[in-house]
Amino acid sequence: MSNAIDQKKLIVDEIADKFKSSVSTVVVDYRGLNVAEVTELRKQLREAGVEFKVYKNTLTRRAAEATELTGLNEVLTGPNAIAFSAEDVVAPAKILSEFAKKHEALEIKAGVIEGNIASVEDIKALADLPSREGLLSMLLSVLQAPIRNLALATKAVADQKEEQGA
């Protein structure tokens, strides 16, 4: 009997560690998806470095309480799967939101973003953000703009002086 309890404690500790180490976590209801759709979803998440697991709700509730994320307990009913991302905050929200648009059976319930409980609206807002690479390219273009404008102005002045001198 105690062996089963020990195994459950290990699973609760595992879930709690994932909640702590993840920068982004999304809880979804996957009822209505067939095996091929779930496999495709898992493949997309795995390619983005996101772990997608199904745990018993009671064990997940205990892990949420241990990590002071009790706000998740109200959504932990029915069949749930949890996507954990330790590196990219946007990836699970973006992939799951895109998949939910194509497959109405997938329902985003809630999440945790950098230790704070996130509502469905928060997750969808996060999904609408550009990827990390997109944000970096936007930042780079903003940083390059003043230098480019200075170069163009300098060239225009040089061209004007050249015309006056000729």
C-alpha atoms as a PDB file:
ATOM      1  CA  MET A   1       0.000   0.000   0.000  1.00  0.00           C
ATOM      2  CA  SER A   2       2.719   2.460   0.916  1.00  0.00           C
ATOM      3  CA  ASN A   3       4.474   1.749  -2.381  1.00  0.00           C
ATOM      4  CA  ALA A   4       1.505   3.201  -4.300  1.00  0.00           C
ATOM      5  CA  ILE A   5       1.478   6.256  -2.012  1.00  0.00           C
ATOM      6  CA  ASP A   6       5.221   6.723  -2.544  1.00  0.00           C
ATOM      7  CA  GLN A   7       4.751   6.567  -6.311  1.00  0.00           C
ATOM      8  CA  LYS A   8       1.999   9.178  -6.131  1.00  0.00           C
ATOM      9  CA  LYS A   9       4.226  11.436  -4.008  1.00  0.00           C
ATOM     10  CA  LEU A  10       6.963  11.127  -6.630  1.00  0.00           C
ATOM     11  CA  ILE A  11       4.514  12.106  -9.380  1.00  0.00           C
ATOM     12  CA  VAL A  12       3.274  15.095  -7.335  1.00  0.00           C
ATOM     13  CA  ASP A  13       6.909  16.167  -6.806  1.00  0.00           C
ATOM     14  CA  GLU A  14       7.572  15.756 -10.536  1.00  0.00           C
ATOM     15  CA  ILE A  15       4.577  17.941 -11.457  1.00  0.00           C
ATOM     16  CA  ALA A  16       5.530  20.545  -8.828  1.00  0.00           C
ATOM     17  CA  ASP A  17       9.090  20.674 -10.194  1.00  0.00           C
ATOM     18  CA  LYS A  18       7.734  21.197 -13.710  1.00  0.00           C
ATOM     19  CA  PHE A  19       5.466  24.011 -12.491  1.00  0.00           C
ATOM     20  CA  LYS A  20       8.480  25.670 -10.817  1.00  0.00           C
ATOM     21  CA  SER A  21      10.943  25.222 -13.684  1.00  0.00           C
ATOM     22  CA  SER A  22       8.549  26.160 -16.494  1.00  0.00           C
ATOM     23  CA  VAL A  23       8.319  29.733 -17.733  1.00  0.00           C
ATOM     24  CA  SER A  24       5.009  28.910 -19.384  1.00  0.00           C
ATOM     25  CA  THR A  25       2.425  26.212 -18.653  1.00  0.00           C
ATOM     26  CA  VAL A  26      -0.928  25.722 -20.401  1.00  0.00           C
ATOM     27  CA  VAL A  27      -3.765  23.423 -19.284  1.00  0.00           C
ATOM     28  CA  VAL A  28      -6.038  22.136 -22.045  1.00  0.00           C
ATOM     29  CA  ASP A  29      -9.062  19.874 -22.370  1.00  0.00           C
ATOM     30  CA  TYR A  30      -8.369  17.491 -25.220  1.00  0.00           C
ATOM     31  CA  ARG A  31     -11.735  15.664 -25.191  1.00  0.00           C
ATOM     32  CA  GLY A  32     -12.929  14.994 -28.724  1.00  0.00           C
ATOM     33  CA  LEU A  33      -9.512  14.835 -30.392  1.00  0.00           C
ATOM     34  CA  ASN A  34      -8.705  11.553 -32.092  1.00  0.00           C
ATOM     35  CA  VAL A  35      -5.370   9.769 -31.754  1.00  0.00           C
ATOM     36  CA  ALA A  36      -3.965  11.200 -34.990  1.00  0.00           C
ATOM     37  CA  GLU A  37      -4.792  14.772 -33.918  1.00  0.00           C
ATOM     38  CA  VAL A  38      -3.245  14.307 -30.471  1.00  0.00           C
ATOM     39  CA  THR A  39      -0.158  12.783 -32.096  1.00  0.00           C
ATOM     40  CA  GLU A  40       0.147  15.759 -34.450  1.00  0.00           C
ATOM     41  CA  LEU A  41      -0.239  18.177 -31.527  1.00  0.00           C
ATOM     42  CA  ARG A  42       2.409  16.348 -29.488  1.00  0.00           C
ATOM     43  CA  LYS A  43       4.770  16.439 -32.501  1.00  0.00           C
ATOM     44  CA  GLN A  44       4.346  20.207 -32.939  1.00  0.00           C
ATOM     45  CA  LEU A  45       4.904  20.818 -29.223  1.00  0.00           C
ATOM     46  CA  ARG A  46       7.922  18.499 -29.064  1.00  0.00           C
ATOM     47  CA  GLU A  47       9.557  20.309 -32.013  1.00  0.00           C
ATOM     48  CA  ALA A  48       9.197  23.578 -30.071  1.00  0.00           C
ATOM     49  CA  GLY A  49      10.758  22.060 -26.938  1.00  0.00           C
ATOM     50  CA  VAL A  50       7.453  21.877 -25.059  1.00  0.00           C
ATOM     51  CA  GLU A  51       6.579  18.859 -22.908  1.00  0.00           C
ATOM     52  CA  PHE A  52       2.942  17.721 -23.147  1.00  0.00           C
ATOM     53  CA  LYS A  53       1.704  15.303 -20.481  1.00  0.00           C
ATOM     54  CA  VAL A  54      -1.507  13.967 -18.998  1.00  0.00           C
ATOM     55  CA  TYR A  55      -1.650  13.641 -15.211  1.00  0.00           C
ATOM     56  CA  LYS A  56      -4.403  12.706 -12.795  1.00  0.00           C
ATOM     57  CA  ASN A  57      -6.243  15.821 -11.645  1.00  0.00           C
ATOM     58  CA  THR A  58      -5.903  14.968  -7.950  1.00  0.00           C
ATOM     59  CA  LEU A  59      -2.125  14.711  -8.262  1.00  0.00           C
ATOM     60  CA  THR A  60      -1.975  17.922 -10.288  1.00  0.00           C
ATOM     61  CA  ARG A  61      -4.086  19.719  -7.655  1.00  0.00           C
ATOM     62  CA  ARG A  62      -1.681  18.626  -4.925  1.00  0.00           C
ATOM     63  CA  ALA A  63       1.286  19.836  -6.974  1.00  0.00           C
ATOM     64  CA  ALA A  64      -0.499  23.153  -7.624  1.00  0.00           C
ATOM     65  CA  GLU A  65      -1.092  23.578  -3.887  1.00  0.00           C
ATOM     66  CA  ALA A  66       2.552  22.747  -3.158  1.00  0.00           C
ATOM     67  CA  THR A  67       3.684  25.442  -5.600  1.00  0.00           C
ATOM     68  CA  GLU A  68       1.063  27.976  -4.426  1.00  0.00           C
ATOM     69  CA  LEU A  69      -0.855  27.830  -7.723  1.00  0.00           C
ATOM     70  CA  THR A  70      -4.217  26.930  -6.172  1.00  0.00           C
ATOM     71  CA  GLY A  71      -6.011  29.072  -8.773  1.00  0.00           C
ATOM     72  CA  LEU A  72      -5.533  26.178 -11.217  1.00  0.00           C
ATOM     73  CA  ASN A  73      -7.626  23.813  -9.084  1.00  0.00           C
ATOM     74  CA  GLU A  74     -10.938  25.122 -10.443  1.00  0.00           C
ATOM     75  CA  VAL A  75     -10.026  24.163 -14.038  1.00  0.00           C
ATOM     76  CA  LEU A  76      -8.638  20.747 -13.153  1.00  0.00           C
ATOM     77  CA  THR A  77     -11.790  18.793 -13.944  1.00  0.00           C
ATOM     78  CA  GLY A  78     -12.326  16.318 -16.722  1.00  0.00           C
ATOM     79  CA  PRO A  79      -9.572  15.031 -18.995  1.00  0.00           C
ATOM     80  CA  ASN A  80      -6.733  17.550 -19.000  1.00  0.00           C
ATOM     81  CA  ALA A  81      -3.303  17.686 -20.550  1.00  0.00           C
ATOM     82  CA  ILE A  82      -0.592  20.128 -19.539  1.00  0.00           C
ATOM     83  CA  ALA A  83       2.034  21.718 -21.786  1.00  0.00           C
ATOM     84  CA  PHE A  84       5.225  22.752 -19.962  1.00  0.00           C
ATOM     85  CA  SER A  85       7.854  25.003 -21.546  1.00  0.00           C
ATOM     86  CA  ALA A  86      11.090  25.648 -19.684  1.00  0.00           C
ATOM     87  CA  GLU A  87      12.566  28.021 -22.292  1.00  0.00           C
ATOM     88  CA  ASP A  88      10.049  29.762 -24.551  1.00  0.00           C
ATOM     89  CA  VAL A  89       7.168  31.629 -22.894  1.00  0.00           C
ATOM     90  CA  VAL A  90       5.197  32.050 -26.108  1.00  0.00           C
ATOM     91  CA  ALA A  91       5.587  28.600 -27.734  1.00  0.00           C
ATOM     92  CA  PRO A  92       2.951  26.554 -25.862  1.00  0.00           C
ATOM     93  CA  ALA A  93       0.338  29.305 -26.059  1.00  0.00           C
ATOM     94  CA  LYS A  94       0.983  29.923 -29.757  1.00  0.00           C
ATOM     95  CA  ILE A  95       0.966  26.248 -30.793  1.00  0.00           C
ATOM     96  CA  LEU A  96      -2.086  25.339 -28.705  1.00  0.00           C
ATOM     97  CA  SER A  97      -4.039  28.413 -29.851  1.00  0.00           C
ATOM     98  CA  GLU A  98      -3.302  27.697 -33.512  1.00  0.00           C
ATOM     99  CA  PHE A  99      -4.250  24.047 -33.041  1.00  0.00           C
ATOM    100  CA  ALA A 100      -7.474  25.021 -31.222  1.00  0.00           C
ATOM    101  CA  LYS A 101      -8.457  27.240 -34.185  1.00  0.00           C
ATOM    102  CA  LYS A 102      -8.235  24.241 -36.520  1.00  0.00           C
ATOM    103  CA  HIS A 103      -9.661  21.681 -34.053  1.00  0.00           C
ATOM    104  CA  GLU A 104     -12.593  22.985 -32.048  1.00  0.00           C
ATOM    105  CA  ALA A 105     -12.422  19.998 -29.688  1.00  0.00           C
ATOM    106  CA  LEU A 106      -9.256  21.372 -28.055  1.00  0.00           C
ATOM    107  CA  GLU A 107     -10.141  23.838 -25.314  1.00  0.00           C
ATOM    108  CA  ILE A 108      -7.578  26.007 -23.545  1.00  0.00           C
ATOM    109  CA  LYS A 109      -8.574  26.238 -19.881  1.00  0.00           C
ATOM    110  CA  ALA A 110      -5.866  28.219 -18.061  1.00  0.00           C
ATOM    111  CA  GLY A 111      -2.153  28.451 -17.573  1.00  0.00           C
ATOM    112  CA  VAL A 112       0.789  29.710 -15.594  1.00  0.00           C
ATOM    113  CA  ILE A 113       3.074  32.359 -17.042  1.00  0.00           C
ATOM    114  CA  GLU A 114       6.295  32.906 -15.092  1.00  0.00           C
ATOM    115  CA  GLY A 115       4.708  31.802 -11.813  1.00  0.00           C
ATOM    116  CA  ASN A 116       1.402  33.701 -12.200  1.00  0.00           C
ATOM    117  CA  ILE A 117      -1.979  32.162 -12.989  1.00  0.00           C
ATOM    118  CA  ALA A 118      -3.099  33.119 -16.498  1.00  0.00           C
ATOM    119  CA  SER A 119      -6.656  33.137 -17.814  1.00  0.00           C
ATOM    120  CA  VAL A 120      -7.693  31.943 -21.267  1.00  0.00           C
ATOM    121  CA  GLU A 121      -7.629  35.571 -22.467  1.00  0.00           C
ATOM    122  CA  ASP A 122      -4.048  35.979 -21.186  1.00  0.00           C
ATOM    123  CA  ILE A 123      -2.963  32.832 -23.008  1.00  0.00           C
ATOM    124  CA  LYS A 124      -4.599  33.974 -26.261  1.00  0.00           C
ATOM    125  CA  ALA A 125      -2.985  37.417 -25.928  1.00  0.00           C
ATOM    126  CA  LEU A 126       0.376  35.734 -25.402  1.00  0.00           C
ATOM    127  CA  ALA A 127      -0.243  33.565 -28.481  1.00  0.00           C
ATOM    128  CA  ASP A 128      -0.794  36.693 -30.592  1.00  0.00           C
ATOM    129  CA  LEU A 129       2.708  37.962 -29.796  1.00  0.00           C
ATOM    130  CA  PRO A 130       5.369  37.398 -32.435  1.00  0.00           C
ATOM    131  CA  SER A 131       7.927  34.677 -31.796  1.00  0.00           C
ATOM    132  CA  ARG A 132      11.215  35.456 -30.060  1.00  0.00           C
ATOM    133  CA  GLU A 133      12.978  35.653 -33.413  1.00  0.00           C
ATOM    134  CA  GLY A 134      10.296  38.012 -34.730  1.00  0.00           C
ATOM    135  CA  LEU A 135      10.651  40.283 -31.704  1.00  0.00           C
ATOM    136  CA  LEU A 136      14.438  40.297 -32.059  1.00  0.00           C
ATOM    137  CA  SER A 137      14.218  41.232 -35.748  1.00  0.00           C
ATOM    138  CA  MET A 138      11.792  44.070 -34.864  1.00  0.00           C
ATOM    139  CA  LEU A 139      14.221  45.315 -32.221  1.00  0.00           C
ATOM    140  CA  LEU A 140      17.107  45.118 -34.671  1.00  0.00           C
ATOM    141  CA  SER A 141      15.251  47.140 -37.295  1.00  0.00           C
ATOM    142  CA  VAL A 142      14.375  49.775 -34.673  1.00  0.00           C
ATOM    143  CA  LEU A 143      18.025  49.978 -33.637  1.00  0.00           C
ATOM    144  CA  GLN A 144      19.219  50.200 -37.257  1.00  0.00           C
ATOM    145  CA  ALA A 145      16.794  52.965 -38.279  1.00  0.00           C
ATOM    146  CA  PRO A 146      18.697  55.949 -36.779  1.00  0.00           C
ATOM    147  CA  ILE A 147      22.008  54.779 -38.254  1.00  0.00           C
ATOM    148  CA  ARG A 148      20.401  54.198 -41.664  1.00  0.00           C
ATOM    149  CA  ASN A 149      18.783  57.658 -41.561  1.00  0.00           C
ATOM    150  CA  LEU A 150      22.116  59.254 -40.594  1.00  0.00           C
ATOM    151  CA  ALA A 151      23.852  57.470 -43.472  1.00  0.00           C
ATOM    152  CA  LEU A 152      21.169  58.607 -45.933  1.00  0.00           C
ATOM    153  CA  ALA A 153      21.366  62.209 -44.684  1.00  0.00           C
ATOM    154  CA  THR A 154      25.174  62.198 -44.911  1.00  0.00           C
ATOM    155  CA  LYS A 155      25.014  60.824 -48.454  1.00  0.00           C
ATOM    156  CA  ALA A 156      22.445  63.475 -49.441  1.00  0.00           C
ATOM    157  CA  VAL A 157      24.675  66.245 -48.064  1.00  0.00           C
ATOM    158  CA  ALA A 158      27.693  64.801 -49.859  1.00  0.00           C
ATOM    159  CA  ASP A 159      25.737  64.555 -53.139  1.00  0.00           C
ATOM    160  CA  GLN A 160      24.524  68.148 -52.750  1.00  0.00           C
ATOM    161  CA  LYS A 161      28.045  69.452 -52.123  1.00  0.00           C
ATOM    162  CA  GLU A 162      29.301  67.460 -55.097  1.00  0.00           C
ATOM    163  CA  GLU A 163      26.668  69.064 -57.357  1.00  0.00           C
ATOM    164  CA  GLN A 164      27.536  72.550 -56.078  1.00  0.00           C
ATOM    165  CA  GLY A 165      31.227  71.937 -56.631  1.00  0.00           C
ATOM    166  CA  ALA A 166      30.775  70.623 -60.181  1.00  0.00           C
END
